Amino acid sequence: MPHKVTDQTFESEVLKASGPVVVDFWAEWCGPCRMLAPVLDEVAEELRGRVKVVKVNIDESPETPTKYGVRGIPTLMLFRDGQLVDTRVGGMPKGQLSSWIESATA
């Protein structure tokens, strides 16, 4: 299950994490974000131990999405050892999401 990260915890939870971290930038009012959430939960469960999945609510933590140029949500960013590796904007089916994460973490 993805856990919540804020502007205050982003550095310790994402940038200082070892290995791959998927960050989901989302908001309560975003329909596509709500549709992506259960898919992301499933993928997080399947990849547990290999990939860390976290969520940043852009309304509660506006500094981090601004810093990374998030314009539309949902935006998924993949970090590896503190470095931004890839970004995807918009929802995607589970198979595509899994493939994207696995290809970027291989």
Protein backbone atom coordinates (compact mmCIF):
# COMPACT_ATOMS: atom_id res chain seq x y z
CA MET A 1 0.00 0.00 0.00
CA PRO A 2 1.49 3.37 -0.96
CA HIS A 3 2.10 5.68 1.94
CA LYS A 4 1.74 9.43 2.20
CA VAL A 5 4.73 11.72 1.72
CA THR A 6 4.69 15.47 2.34
CA ASP A 7 6.94 18.39 1.40
CA GLN A 8 8.65 17.85 4.78
CA THR A 9 9.28 14.11 4.31
CA PHE A 10 9.96 13.99 0.54
CA GLU A 11 13.73 14.23 0.89
CA SER A 12 14.04 11.47 3.49
CA GLU A 13 11.41 9.17 1.94
CA VAL A 14 12.30 9.61 -1.76
CA LEU A 15 15.61 11.38 -2.37
CA LYS A 16 17.52 9.51 0.35
CA ALA A 17 15.88 6.15 -0.34
CA SER A 18 18.01 3.40 -1.81
CA GLY A 19 16.53 1.72 -4.84
CA PRO A 20 13.49 2.66 -6.93
CA VAL A 21 10.67 4.86 -5.63
CA VAL A 22 7.46 5.64 -7.55
CA VAL A 23 5.87 8.95 -6.54
CA ASP A 24 2.19 9.54 -7.32
CA PHE A 25 1.29 13.25 -7.36
CA TRP A 26 -2.50 13.39 -6.88
CA ALA A 27 -5.42 15.31 -5.35
CA GLU A 28 -8.76 14.34 -3.75
CA TRP A 29 -10.76 16.20 -6.43
CA CYS A 30 -8.99 14.50 -9.37
CA GLY A 31 -11.15 11.81 -11.04
CA PRO A 32 -8.31 10.13 -12.97
CA CYS A 33 -6.26 10.08 -9.73
CA ARG A 34 -9.05 8.18 -7.97
CA MET A 35 -9.23 5.73 -10.88
CA LEU A 36 -5.46 5.17 -10.79
CA ALA A 37 -5.30 4.66 -7.00
CA PRO A 38 -6.52 1.02 -6.82
CA VAL A 39 -4.32 0.07 -9.79
CA LEU A 40 -1.31 1.64 -8.10
CA ASP A 41 -2.19 -0.14 -4.84
CA GLU A 42 -2.18 -3.50 -6.65
CA VAL A 43 1.13 -2.83 -8.38
CA ALA A 44 2.67 -1.60 -5.11
CA GLU A 45 1.60 -4.83 -3.42
CA GLU A 46 2.99 -7.00 -6.24
CA LEU A 47 6.33 -5.17 -6.28
CA ARG A 48 6.65 -4.83 -2.50
CA GLY A 49 10.22 -5.30 -1.39
CA ARG A 50 11.52 -4.26 -4.83
CA VAL A 51 9.90 -0.85 -5.36
CA LYS A 52 8.69 1.74 -2.85
CA VAL A 53 5.45 3.51 -3.83
CA VAL A 54 4.46 6.82 -2.21
CA LYS A 55 1.73 9.43 -2.74
CA VAL A 56 2.03 13.22 -2.56
CA ASN A 57 -1.21 15.19 -2.22
CA ILE A 58 -0.52 18.34 -4.25
CA ASP A 59 -3.03 20.40 -2.25
CA GLU A 60 -1.46 19.52 1.11
CA SER A 61 2.15 19.64 -0.15
CA PRO A 62 2.41 22.18 -3.00
CA GLU A 63 6.19 22.80 -2.87
CA THR A 64 7.39 19.42 -4.14
CA PRO A 65 5.16 19.23 -7.25
CA THR A 66 6.12 22.82 -8.10
CA LYS A 67 9.81 21.98 -7.74
CA TYR A 68 9.44 19.04 -10.14
CA GLY A 69 7.27 20.92 -12.66
CA VAL A 70 4.08 18.92 -12.14
CA ARG A 71 1.44 20.54 -14.39
CA GLY A 72 -1.27 17.89 -14.63
CA ILE A 73 -2.31 15.07 -12.35
CA PRO A 74 -2.02 12.24 -11.86
CA THR A 75 1.71 12.50 -12.48
CA LEU A 76 3.90 9.52 -11.67
CA MET A 77 7.63 10.04 -11.22
CA LEU A 78 10.14 7.26 -10.87
CA PHE A 79 13.25 7.92 -8.79
CA ARG A 80 16.21 5.59 -8.38
CA ASP A 81 18.72 6.26 -5.62
CA GLY A 82 17.49 9.87 -5.35
CA GLN A 83 17.61 10.64 -9.08
CA LEU A 84 14.55 11.27 -11.25
CA VAL A 85 14.55 8.53 -13.92
CA ASP A 86 11.21 8.92 -15.73
CA THR A 87 7.85 10.69 -15.59
CA ARG A 88 4.37 9.73 -16.81
CA VAL A 89 1.32 11.97 -16.78
CA GLY A 90 -2.20 10.54 -16.68
CA GLY A 91 -3.69 7.23 -15.76
CA MET A 92 -2.66 3.95 -17.32
CA PRO A 93 -3.84 0.33 -17.20
CA LYS A 94 -2.23 -2.00 -14.68
CA GLY A 95 -0.15 -3.92 -17.24
CA GLN A 96 1.28 -0.72 -18.68
CA LEU A 97 2.01 0.66 -15.21
CA SER A 98 3.78 -2.53 -14.12
CA SER A 99 5.82 -2.66 -17.35
CA TRP A 100 6.84 0.99 -17.00
CA ILE A 101 8.00 0.52 -13.41
CA GLU A 102 9.79 -2.75 -14.12
CA SER A 103 11.55 -1.42 -17.22
CA ALA A 104 12.79 1.62 -15.36
CA THR A 105 13.97 -0.41 -12.39
CA ALA A 106 15.68 -3.22 -14.26
